[in-house]
Amino acid sequence: MTGLADAAPRFTSADDAIHWLRERRIDEVECIVPDMNGIMRGKIVPREDFIRIVDAGVRLPEFVFFQAVTGDSADDSEIVNPLDRDVRCVPDLTTLRVVPWYEEPTAQVICDCYFADGRMVDFAPRSVLRRVVELYAEKGLRPVVAPELEFYLTANNLDPDLPIEVPIGLSGRKESGRQAYGIEHANDFDHVVNLMYDYCEASRIEIATMAHEAGPAQLEMNFRHGDPIERADQTFLFKRTARLAARKYDMVATFMAMPHQDMPGSATHIHQSIVRIDDGGNIFAAPDGSDAPALLHYIGGLQRFVPPAMSLFCPNVNSYRRIRLESDAPINVHWGRDNRTCGLRVPDSGPEARRVENRVIGADSNPYVAMAATLAAGLIGLEEKIEPEPVVEVNAHTLGVSLPSHLSDALEELAACEPMKRVLGPRFVEAYIDVKRLEWRLYNRVISSWEREYLLLNV
């Protein structure tokens, strides 16, 4: 296994990156971009060819950003160029790192996308997150985020008509019951988790802690706090890393929001704070350590705009199976201090670490889109000085559902939300809605086993 010395430092010049590629005898470079769903798209380029195009980038057709999770394309979107022109995908060399599971030395790099006239592709998810971060910078502010990503290990599933099964761990048994934070239950999958850690270390993905969640073989990986784009990059890369590590042991690592019918769903919790660029001070805390007005305004923005932005946080039809009364997941955007039943939680912390945790987001979200959307909602709250609802000191599940229940409803709310369109970019929002409406139409063509079970002979 390669180590951090081989993973590649954060290059700031093409010359240093080229030297590293040749010194490590890298054979090929995977040039990748995240599409609307956070699926990797791109090209695999031989090393010397990559070196020749490192400044110009590789070319990909524009339609890759309009592909549904099924691979179908939203060709009827008004945002799609009718000529289906190429965009230039220029490597961000700060993201260059090894791919640790190949026998042949291979590197990967995440690209930023540009039109032929040099403009950044405004509907590319990484561009959208960069846009929001730059809006903060214009105000002298810098967001800091820390994602927590839940997922399940499952047995290999070759027939999509059959329910997903719990995998067999080192104990030789299938885990049963709810064993949140169980050390021995986490140990049962040490072989898979240790390989994930090895892969992450080799490819410069910074995992802080791991815990067993409430579902059988459900785990949570916590990332260190840092820059939103870098943390989105690492979350994006980790999903593939986890899947490849699980595959080595004939398991599946799934980030579906609700893979098991009667078990807890999987979330992406994003902790977020805002600091001043000039002195690094946290704007959520006053000089005496108490809550600053900015904290309340940020929460106010989240309360107002998370519901209409729900399709950005919970992007699939399966996502909404997690948001229900009998679930551990939040069902509204009430806020509380160290209250995990709320959609928005302010953890107990000192002034420097004062932060808000958005607990609504699904594990199936695109990390670039989810981070852009939650930061955008908070930014609008800061700009408009939106006052939040009173803090909740009871179980927020007793206060009713205030989030959309289906993807189609969520998309309608997003389409009508002008403030989020302004911050994220209207063309991105329109393109995103077009892709997700296509997926909704494709889903509605499918006859489920529930329908066959209860409607075939009874209606």
Protein backbone atom coordinates (compact mmCIF):
# COMPACT_ATOMS: atom_id res chain seq x y z
CA MET A 1 0.00 0.00 0.00
CA THR A 2 1.31 3.43 -0.91
CA GLY A 3 1.46 6.07 1.81
CA LEU A 4 0.98 9.79 2.09
CA ALA A 5 4.36 10.44 0.51
CA ASP A 6 3.08 8.84 -2.68
CA ALA A 7 -0.42 10.32 -2.59
CA ALA A 8 0.84 13.61 -4.10
CA PRO A 9 1.16 16.93 -2.31
CA ARG A 10 -1.21 19.79 -3.17
CA PHE A 11 0.57 21.00 -6.28
CA THR A 12 0.51 24.69 -7.09
CA SER A 13 2.44 24.49 -10.37
CA ALA A 14 2.19 22.29 -13.43
CA ASP A 15 5.96 21.71 -13.42
CA ASP A 16 5.85 20.16 -9.94
CA ALA A 17 2.89 17.97 -10.91
CA ILE A 18 4.62 16.79 -14.08
CA HIS A 19 7.77 15.96 -12.15
CA TRP A 20 5.72 13.93 -9.65
CA LEU A 21 3.88 12.03 -12.39
CA ARG A 22 7.13 11.02 -14.06
CA GLU A 23 9.01 10.32 -10.86
CA ARG A 24 6.22 8.00 -9.65
CA ARG A 25 6.00 6.42 -13.10
CA ILE A 26 2.29 7.11 -13.27
CA ASP A 27 0.85 5.23 -16.23
CA GLU A 28 -2.52 6.95 -16.66
CA VAL A 29 -4.47 9.89 -15.22
CA GLU A 30 -8.22 9.80 -14.67
CA CYS A 31 -9.62 13.26 -15.44
CA ILE A 32 -12.96 13.41 -13.63
CA VAL A 33 -15.88 15.76 -13.09
CA PRO A 34 -18.96 15.29 -10.89
CA ASP A 35 -22.26 15.35 -12.77
CA MET A 36 -25.59 16.52 -11.32
CA ASN A 37 -25.87 13.34 -9.23
CA GLY A 38 -22.25 13.34 -8.11
CA ILE A 39 -21.46 10.47 -10.50
CA MET A 40 -17.92 10.51 -11.87
CA ARG A 41 -17.70 11.37 -15.58
CA GLY A 42 -14.51 11.96 -17.53
CA LYS A 43 -11.68 10.44 -19.52
CA ILE A 44 -8.67 8.25 -18.77
CA VAL A 45 -5.55 9.78 -20.33
CA PRO A 46 -2.04 8.31 -20.73
CA ARG A 47 0.52 10.23 -18.68
CA GLU A 48 2.41 11.95 -21.48
CA ASP A 49 -0.82 12.90 -23.23
CA PHE A 50 -2.07 14.34 -19.93
CA ILE A 51 1.12 16.38 -19.59
CA ARG A 52 0.54 17.83 -23.05
CA ILE A 53 -3.03 18.92 -22.23
CA VAL A 54 -2.57 19.86 -18.57
CA ASP A 55 -3.28 23.55 -19.30
CA ALA A 56 -5.92 23.15 -22.01
CA GLY A 57 -7.78 20.25 -20.39
CA VAL A 58 -9.71 17.37 -21.86
CA ARG A 59 -12.92 17.85 -23.77
CA LEU A 60 -16.28 16.40 -22.78
CA PRO A 61 -19.67 16.94 -24.41
CA GLU A 62 -21.91 19.33 -22.56
CA PHE A 63 -24.61 16.69 -22.16
CA VAL A 64 -22.67 14.87 -19.40
CA PHE A 65 -24.17 17.40 -16.97
CA PHE A 66 -27.67 16.55 -18.16
CA GLN A 67 -27.45 12.81 -17.60
CA ALA A 68 -29.88 11.25 -15.16
CA VAL A 69 -28.77 8.61 -12.67
CA THR A 70 -30.06 6.06 -15.22
CA GLY A 71 -27.76 7.42 -17.93
CA ASP A 72 -30.65 8.95 -19.88
CA SER A 73 -30.16 12.56 -20.92
CA ALA A 74 -32.48 15.53 -20.41
CA ASP A 75 -32.22 16.53 -24.06
CA ASP A 76 -35.34 18.71 -23.86
CA SER A 77 -33.76 21.10 -21.37
CA GLU A 78 -33.59 24.66 -22.66
CA ILE A 79 -30.14 24.96 -21.05
CA VAL A 80 -28.64 22.25 -23.28
CA ASN A 81 -26.72 23.66 -26.22
CA PRO A 82 -28.55 22.38 -29.34
CA LEU A 83 -25.17 21.74 -31.00
CA ASP A 84 -24.03 19.62 -28.01
CA ARG A 85 -20.69 21.40 -27.97
CA ASP A 86 -17.70 20.34 -25.93
CA VAL A 87 -16.63 21.95 -22.68
CA ARG A 88 -13.00 22.07 -21.55
CA CYS A 89 -12.31 20.15 -18.36
CA VAL A 90 -9.15 21.69 -16.93
CA PRO A 91 -7.36 19.72 -14.19
CA ASP A 92 -7.28 21.36 -10.76
CA LEU A 93 -3.78 20.20 -9.86
CA THR A 94 -4.42 20.72 -6.14
CA THR A 95 -6.63 17.61 -6.41
CA LEU A 96 -4.07 15.37 -8.15
CA ARG A 97 -3.56 12.16 -6.17
CA VAL A 98 -2.99 8.44 -6.65
CA VAL A 99 -5.69 5.85 -7.23
CA PRO A 100 -4.54 3.23 -4.72
CA TRP A 101 -6.43 0.12 -5.85
CA TYR A 102 -4.89 -0.31 -9.31
CA GLU A 103 -1.89 -2.55 -9.98
CA GLU A 104 -0.55 -0.09 -12.56
CA PRO A 105 0.41 3.31 -11.08
CA THR A 106 -2.59 5.54 -11.78
CA ALA A 107 -3.51 9.07 -10.73
CA GLN A 108 -6.81 10.94 -10.58
CA VAL A 109 -7.54 14.63 -10.81
CA ILE A 110 -10.78 16.61 -10.51
CA CYS A 111 -11.38 19.14 -13.25
CA ASP A 112 -13.07 22.52 -13.47
CA CYS A 113 -15.14 23.03 -16.61
CA TYR A 114 -15.08 25.97 -19.02
CA PHE A 115 -16.91 27.01 -22.15
CA ALA A 116 -14.94 27.79 -25.31
CA ASP A 117 -15.00 31.52 -24.49
CA GLY A 118 -13.31 30.92 -21.12
CA ARG A 119 -16.38 31.27 -18.91
CA MET A 120 -16.76 28.67 -16.18
CA VAL A 121 -19.58 26.21 -16.91
CA ASP A 122 -22.25 27.67 -14.66
CA PHE A 123 -24.30 24.47 -14.34
CA ALA A 124 -21.37 22.24 -13.37
CA PRO A 125 -21.80 21.34 -9.65
CA ARG A 126 -18.21 22.17 -8.70
CA SER A 127 -18.62 25.57 -10.38
CA VAL A 128 -21.76 26.24 -8.37
CA LEU A 129 -20.03 25.56 -5.06
CA ARG A 130 -17.12 27.76 -6.14
CA ARG A 131 -19.60 30.52 -7.02
CA VAL A 132 -21.13 30.43 -3.51
CA VAL A 133 -17.72 30.41 -1.81
CA GLU A 134 -16.72 33.44 -3.90
CA LEU A 135 -19.89 35.29 -2.86
CA TYR A 136 -18.80 34.83 0.75
CA ALA A 137 -15.29 36.04 -0.13
CA GLU A 138 -16.73 39.24 -1.58
CA LYS A 139 -18.05 39.95 1.92
CA GLY A 140 -14.71 39.17 3.55
CA LEU A 141 -15.98 35.81 4.80
CA ARG A 142 -14.88 32.19 4.44
CA PRO A 143 -17.11 29.16 5.12
CA VAL A 144 -15.70 26.19 7.03
CA VAL A 145 -17.47 22.83 6.82
CA ALA A 146 -17.13 19.32 8.24
CA PRO A 147 -19.22 16.57 6.61
CA GLU A 148 -20.36 13.42 8.38
CA LEU A 149 -21.27 10.69 5.90
CA GLU A 150 -23.36 7.61 6.77
CA PHE A 151 -23.55 4.48 4.63
CA TYR A 152 -24.38 0.79 4.78
CA LEU A 153 -22.30 -2.25 4.01
CA THR A 154 -24.54 -4.86 2.42
CA ALA A 155 -24.23 -8.29 0.89
CA ASN A 156 -23.67 -8.30 -2.85
CA ASN A 157 -27.00 -7.73 -4.58
CA LEU A 158 -27.32 -9.05 -8.13
CA ASP A 159 -31.11 -8.96 -8.47
CA PRO A 160 -32.69 -5.51 -7.97
CA ASP A 161 -36.10 -7.15 -7.38
CA LEU A 162 -34.81 -8.74 -4.15
CA PRO A 163 -34.42 -6.85 -0.85
CA ILE A 164 -30.91 -5.91 0.23
CA GLU A 165 -29.36 -8.30 2.75
CA VAL A 166 -27.07 -7.65 5.72
CA PRO A 167 -23.50 -8.85 5.05
CA ILE A 168 -21.65 -11.47 7.07
CA GLY A 169 -18.90 -9.94 9.20
CA LEU A 170 -15.74 -11.38 10.74
CA SER A 171 -17.87 -13.08 13.40
CA GLY A 172 -19.40 -15.27 10.69
CA ARG A 173 -22.86 -13.91 11.50
CA LYS A 174 -25.21 -11.28 10.17
CA GLU A 175 -25.66 -8.34 12.51
CA SER A 176 -29.17 -7.83 13.87
CA GLY A 177 -30.87 -5.15 15.92
CA ARG A 178 -29.79 -1.54 16.40
CA GLN A 179 -26.27 -1.19 17.70
CA ALA A 180 -25.47 2.52 17.51
CA TYR A 181 -21.87 3.25 18.57
CA GLY A 182 -21.24 -0.47 19.17
CA ILE A 183 -17.46 -0.99 19.16
CA GLU A 184 -17.55 -4.77 18.69
CA HIS A 185 -20.15 -4.41 15.95
CA ALA A 186 -17.90 -1.94 14.17
CA ASN A 187 -14.98 -4.35 14.69
CA ASP A 188 -16.93 -7.00 12.79
CA PHE A 189 -16.12 -5.05 9.62
CA ASP A 190 -12.56 -4.05 10.51
CA HIS A 191 -11.20 -5.74 7.41
CA VAL A 192 -13.31 -3.52 5.14
CA VAL A 193 -12.88 -0.34 7.17
CA ASN A 194 -9.12 -0.78 7.48
CA LEU A 195 -8.85 -1.07 3.71
CA MET A 196 -10.92 2.10 3.37
CA TYR A 197 -8.53 3.87 5.73
CA ASP A 198 -5.53 2.59 3.76
CA TYR A 199 -7.05 3.80 0.50
CA CYS A 200 -7.92 7.17 2.06
CA GLU A 201 -4.43 7.67 3.45
CA ALA A 202 -2.89 6.75 0.12
CA SER A 203 -5.10 9.20 -1.77
CA ARG A 204 -5.11 12.13 0.70
CA ILE A 205 -8.68 11.82 1.97
CA GLU A 206 -8.75 13.06 5.56
CA ILE A 207 -11.02 10.93 7.74
CA ALA A 208 -11.22 12.01 11.38
CA THR A 209 -13.35 9.39 13.15
CA MET A 210 -15.55 6.40 12.37
CA ALA A 211 -18.57 5.10 14.30
CA HIS A 212 -21.15 2.37 13.98
CA GLU A 213 -24.59 3.81 13.31
CA ALA A 214 -27.99 2.43 14.34
CA GLY A 215 -28.62 0.15 11.34
CA PRO A 216 -27.02 -3.28 10.80
CA ALA A 217 -23.58 -2.76 9.20
CA GLN A 218 -24.29 0.98 9.01
CA LEU A 219 -21.20 3.16 9.50
CA GLU A 220 -20.42 6.86 9.67
CA MET A 221 -17.21 8.53 8.52
CA ASN A 222 -16.44 12.01 9.84
CA PHE A 223 -14.25 14.32 7.78
CA ARG A 224 -12.00 17.00 9.25
CA HIS A 225 -13.27 20.56 9.02
CA GLY A 226 -11.95 22.72 6.21
CA ASP A 227 -12.58 24.48 2.92
CA PRO A 228 -15.96 23.58 1.33
CA ILE A 229 -14.56 22.77 -2.12
CA GLU A 230 -11.81 20.59 -0.73
CA ARG A 231 -14.23 18.79 1.61
CA ALA A 232 -16.70 18.27 -1.23
CA ASP A 233 -13.83 16.84 -3.32
CA GLN A 234 -12.92 14.42 -0.55
CA THR A 235 -16.52 13.33 0.04
CA PHE A 236 -16.95 12.82 -3.71
CA LEU A 237 -13.80 10.70 -3.88
CA PHE A 238 -14.59 8.80 -0.68
CA LYS A 239 -17.80 7.32 -2.06
CA ARG A 240 -15.89 5.58 -4.81
CA THR A 241 -13.13 4.63 -2.37
CA ALA A 242 -15.61 2.98 0.00
CA ARG A 243 -17.30 1.09 -2.82
CA LEU A 244 -14.00 -0.27 -4.11
CA ALA A 245 -12.84 -1.32 -0.63
CA ALA A 246 -16.13 -3.13 0.02
CA ARG A 247 -15.95 -4.85 -3.35
CA LYS A 248 -12.65 -6.45 -2.36
CA TYR A 249 -14.63 -8.42 0.26
CA ASP A 250 -17.65 -9.16 -1.94
CA MET A 251 -19.73 -6.48 -0.22
CA VAL A 252 -21.42 -3.32 -1.35
CA ALA A 253 -20.98 0.11 0.25
CA THR A 254 -24.19 1.96 -0.53
CA PHE A 255 -25.03 5.61 -0.03
CA MET A 256 -28.72 5.17 -0.80
CA ALA A 257 -30.69 7.25 1.66
CA MET A 258 -32.95 4.30 2.56
CA PRO A 259 -31.60 0.92 1.41
CA HIS A 260 -33.45 -1.18 4.04
CA GLN A 261 -37.21 -0.98 4.44
CA ASP A 262 -37.41 -1.03 8.24
CA MET A 263 -34.01 0.34 9.24
CA PRO A 264 -32.65 3.87 9.74
CA GLY A 265 -31.74 5.90 6.68
CA SER A 266 -28.32 7.34 5.87
CA ALA A 267 -27.55 11.05 6.05
CA THR A 268 -24.85 13.55 5.26
CA HIS A 269 -24.68 15.94 8.21
CA ILE A 270 -22.79 19.12 7.35
CA HIS A 271 -21.35 21.21 10.19
CA GLN A 272 -20.80 24.78 9.03
CA SER A 273 -19.34 27.95 10.45
CA ILE A 274 -18.29 31.24 8.88
CA VAL A 275 -15.02 33.02 9.68
CA ARG A 276 -13.66 36.42 8.74
CA ILE A 277 -10.89 36.24 6.16
CA ASP A 278 -8.82 39.01 7.77
CA ASP A 279 -8.49 37.61 11.29
CA GLY A 280 -10.02 34.12 11.18
CA GLY A 281 -12.62 34.99 13.80
CA ASN A 282 -15.86 33.00 13.91
CA ILE A 283 -18.75 35.37 13.14
CA PHE A 284 -21.19 33.11 15.01
CA ALA A 285 -19.62 34.02 18.38
CA ALA A 286 -19.55 37.43 20.10
CA PRO A 287 -16.35 38.65 21.84
CA ASP A 288 -17.70 37.46 25.20
CA GLY A 289 -18.31 33.96 23.81
CA SER A 290 -22.09 34.27 23.53
CA ASP A 291 -24.04 33.74 20.31
CA ALA A 292 -23.60 36.57 17.82
CA PRO A 293 -26.59 37.86 15.80
CA ALA A 294 -24.97 36.32 12.71
CA LEU A 295 -25.58 32.83 14.10
CA LEU A 296 -29.30 33.50 14.41
CA HIS A 297 -29.50 35.13 10.97
CA TYR A 298 -27.69 32.16 9.43
CA ILE A 299 -30.13 29.76 11.10
CA GLY A 300 -33.00 31.96 9.91
CA GLY A 301 -31.78 31.59 6.35
CA LEU A 302 -31.57 27.82 6.70
CA GLN A 303 -35.07 27.64 8.18
CA ARG A 304 -36.53 29.66 5.33
CA PHE A 305 -34.67 28.10 2.41
CA VAL A 306 -33.88 24.48 3.27
CA PRO A 307 -37.51 23.39 2.58
CA PRO A 308 -37.65 24.90 -0.96
CA ALA A 309 -34.11 23.61 -1.59
CA MET A 310 -35.01 20.11 -0.40
CA SER A 311 -34.45 18.51 -3.82
CA LEU A 312 -30.82 19.66 -3.64
CA PHE A 313 -30.36 17.91 -0.29
CA CYS A 314 -32.55 14.87 -0.98
CA PRO A 315 -32.21 14.40 -4.74
CA ASN A 316 -33.76 10.98 -5.41
CA VAL A 317 -37.15 9.33 -5.11
CA ASN A 318 -35.66 7.04 -2.44
CA SER A 319 -34.47 10.05 -0.43
CA TYR A 320 -37.94 10.84 0.89
CA ARG A 321 -38.44 7.40 2.43
CA ARG A 322 -35.99 8.60 5.09
CA ILE A 323 -37.98 11.75 5.95
CA ARG A 324 -40.91 10.28 7.88
CA LEU A 325 -42.41 10.44 11.37
CA GLU A 326 -41.17 7.02 12.49
CA SER A 327 -37.61 7.75 11.32
CA ASP A 328 -34.65 9.07 13.29
CA ALA A 329 -34.14 11.62 10.51
CA PRO A 330 -35.40 15.20 10.94
CA ILE A 331 -38.84 16.00 9.56
CA ASN A 332 -38.69 19.79 9.91
CA VAL A 333 -36.24 22.70 10.20
CA HIS A 334 -36.71 23.62 13.84
CA TRP A 335 -33.42 24.42 15.54
CA GLY A 336 -32.10 23.42 18.91
CA ARG A 337 -29.00 23.48 21.05
CA ASP A 338 -27.44 20.03 21.06
CA ASN A 339 -30.86 18.63 20.07
CA ARG A 340 -30.50 15.83 17.50
CA THR A 341 -34.24 15.65 16.85
CA CYS A 342 -34.05 19.03 15.07
CA GLY A 343 -33.20 19.52 11.42
CA LEU A 344 -30.79 22.27 12.48
CA ARG A 345 -28.59 21.67 15.51
CA VAL A 346 -26.14 23.96 17.28
CA PRO A 347 -23.70 21.57 19.00
CA ASP A 348 -22.33 22.39 22.42
CA SER A 349 -19.01 24.07 21.64
CA GLY A 350 -16.66 26.91 22.48
CA PRO A 351 -16.73 30.25 20.63
CA GLU A 352 -14.10 29.29 18.05
CA ALA A 353 -16.02 26.15 17.10
CA ARG A 354 -19.54 27.68 17.18
CA ARG A 355 -21.36 26.10 14.27
CA VAL A 356 -24.65 24.90 12.81
CA GLU A 357 -25.25 21.31 11.75
CA ASN A 358 -27.66 20.72 8.86
CA ARG A 359 -29.09 17.23 9.54
CA VAL A 360 -31.64 17.16 6.71
CA ILE A 361 -29.22 16.16 3.94
CA GLY A 362 -29.24 12.60 2.60
CA ALA A 363 -26.16 10.42 2.07
CA ASP A 364 -27.23 10.17 -1.58
CA SER A 365 -26.75 13.90 -2.16
CA ASN A 366 -24.15 15.33 -4.48
CA PRO A 367 -21.65 16.83 -1.97
CA TYR A 368 -20.95 19.86 -4.17
CA VAL A 369 -24.64 20.64 -4.59
CA ALA A 370 -25.52 19.99 -0.94
CA MET A 371 -22.71 22.19 0.36
CA ALA A 372 -23.52 24.95 -2.12
CA ALA A 373 -27.19 24.88 -1.18
CA THR A 374 -26.76 24.93 2.61
CA LEU A 375 -24.17 27.71 2.40
CA ALA A 376 -26.41 29.64 0.00
CA ALA A 377 -29.35 29.44 2.39
CA GLY A 378 -27.18 30.68 5.26
CA LEU A 379 -25.75 33.48 3.13
CA ILE A 380 -29.22 34.78 2.28
CA GLY A 381 -30.02 34.71 5.99
CA LEU A 382 -26.94 36.82 6.73
CA GLU A 383 -27.70 39.26 3.91
CA GLU A 384 -31.36 39.73 4.83
CA LYS A 385 -30.83 39.40 8.61
CA ILE A 386 -33.57 36.78 8.80
CA GLU A 387 -34.66 36.06 12.37
CA PRO A 388 -35.14 32.38 13.18
CA GLU A 389 -38.07 30.79 14.95
CA PRO A 390 -37.60 30.31 18.71
CA VAL A 391 -35.18 27.60 19.79
CA VAL A 392 -36.81 24.21 20.39
CA GLU A 393 -36.23 22.41 23.68
CA VAL A 394 -38.51 19.42 23.08
CA ASN A 395 -38.44 16.46 20.69
CA ALA A 396 -38.88 18.16 17.32
CA HIS A 397 -40.59 15.03 15.94
CA THR A 398 -43.62 16.03 18.02
CA LEU A 399 -43.90 19.31 16.09
CA GLY A 400 -44.97 17.92 12.73
CA VAL A 401 -43.55 17.56 9.22
CA SER A 402 -42.64 20.74 7.37
CA LEU A 403 -40.42 19.30 4.63
CA PRO A 404 -41.58 18.12 1.19
CA SER A 405 -42.65 14.48 1.10
CA HIS A 406 -41.84 13.65 -2.53
CA LEU A 407 -39.24 14.64 -5.10
CA SER A 408 -41.86 16.12 -7.44
CA ASP A 409 -43.14 18.46 -4.71
CA ALA A 410 -39.59 19.49 -3.80
CA LEU A 411 -38.77 20.32 -7.41
CA GLU A 412 -41.86 22.55 -7.66
CA GLU A 413 -40.75 24.44 -4.56
CA LEU A 414 -37.22 24.90 -5.89
CA ALA A 415 -38.53 26.17 -9.23
CA ALA A 416 -40.45 28.91 -7.39
CA CYS A 417 -37.58 29.96 -5.06
CA GLU A 418 -36.05 33.08 -6.62
CA PRO A 419 -33.51 33.82 -3.83
CA MET A 420 -31.88 30.39 -4.17
CA LYS A 421 -31.82 30.77 -7.95
CA ARG A 422 -30.04 34.10 -7.55
CA VAL A 423 -27.29 32.71 -5.32
CA LEU A 424 -26.79 29.32 -7.00
CA GLY A 425 -27.32 30.61 -10.51
CA PRO A 426 -30.61 30.38 -12.44
CA ARG A 427 -29.18 28.23 -15.24
CA PHE A 428 -27.87 25.66 -12.78
CA VAL A 429 -31.20 25.46 -10.97
CA GLU A 430 -33.10 25.07 -14.24
CA ALA A 431 -30.69 22.39 -15.50
CA TYR A 432 -30.85 20.53 -12.20
CA ILE A 433 -34.65 20.55 -12.21
CA ASP A 434 -34.72 19.29 -15.80
CA VAL A 435 -32.49 16.31 -14.91
CA LYS A 436 -34.50 15.46 -11.80
CA ARG A 437 -37.85 15.76 -13.57
CA LEU A 438 -36.56 13.32 -16.16
CA GLU A 439 -35.68 10.88 -13.37
CA TRP A 440 -39.14 11.31 -11.85
CA ARG A 441 -40.77 10.47 -15.19
CA LEU A 442 -38.57 7.39 -15.60
CA TYR A 443 -39.36 6.25 -12.06
CA ASN A 444 -43.09 6.59 -12.64
CA ARG A 445 -42.90 4.08 -15.49
CA VAL A 446 -41.83 1.32 -13.11
CA ILE A 447 -44.43 -1.01 -11.56
CA SER A 448 -43.24 -1.90 -8.04
CA SER A 449 -43.50 -5.20 -6.19
CA TRP A 450 -45.88 -3.48 -3.71
CA GLU A 451 -48.29 -2.71 -6.54
CA ARG A 452 -48.15 -6.27 -7.81
CA GLU A 453 -48.59 -7.64 -4.29
CA TYR A 454 -51.59 -5.58 -3.22
CA LEU A 455 -53.27 -4.31 -6.40
CA LEU A 456 -53.00 -7.18 -8.88
CA LEU A 457 -55.85 -9.24 -7.37
CA ASN A 458 -57.50 -6.83 -4.92
CA VAL A 459 -58.69 -3.89 -7.01
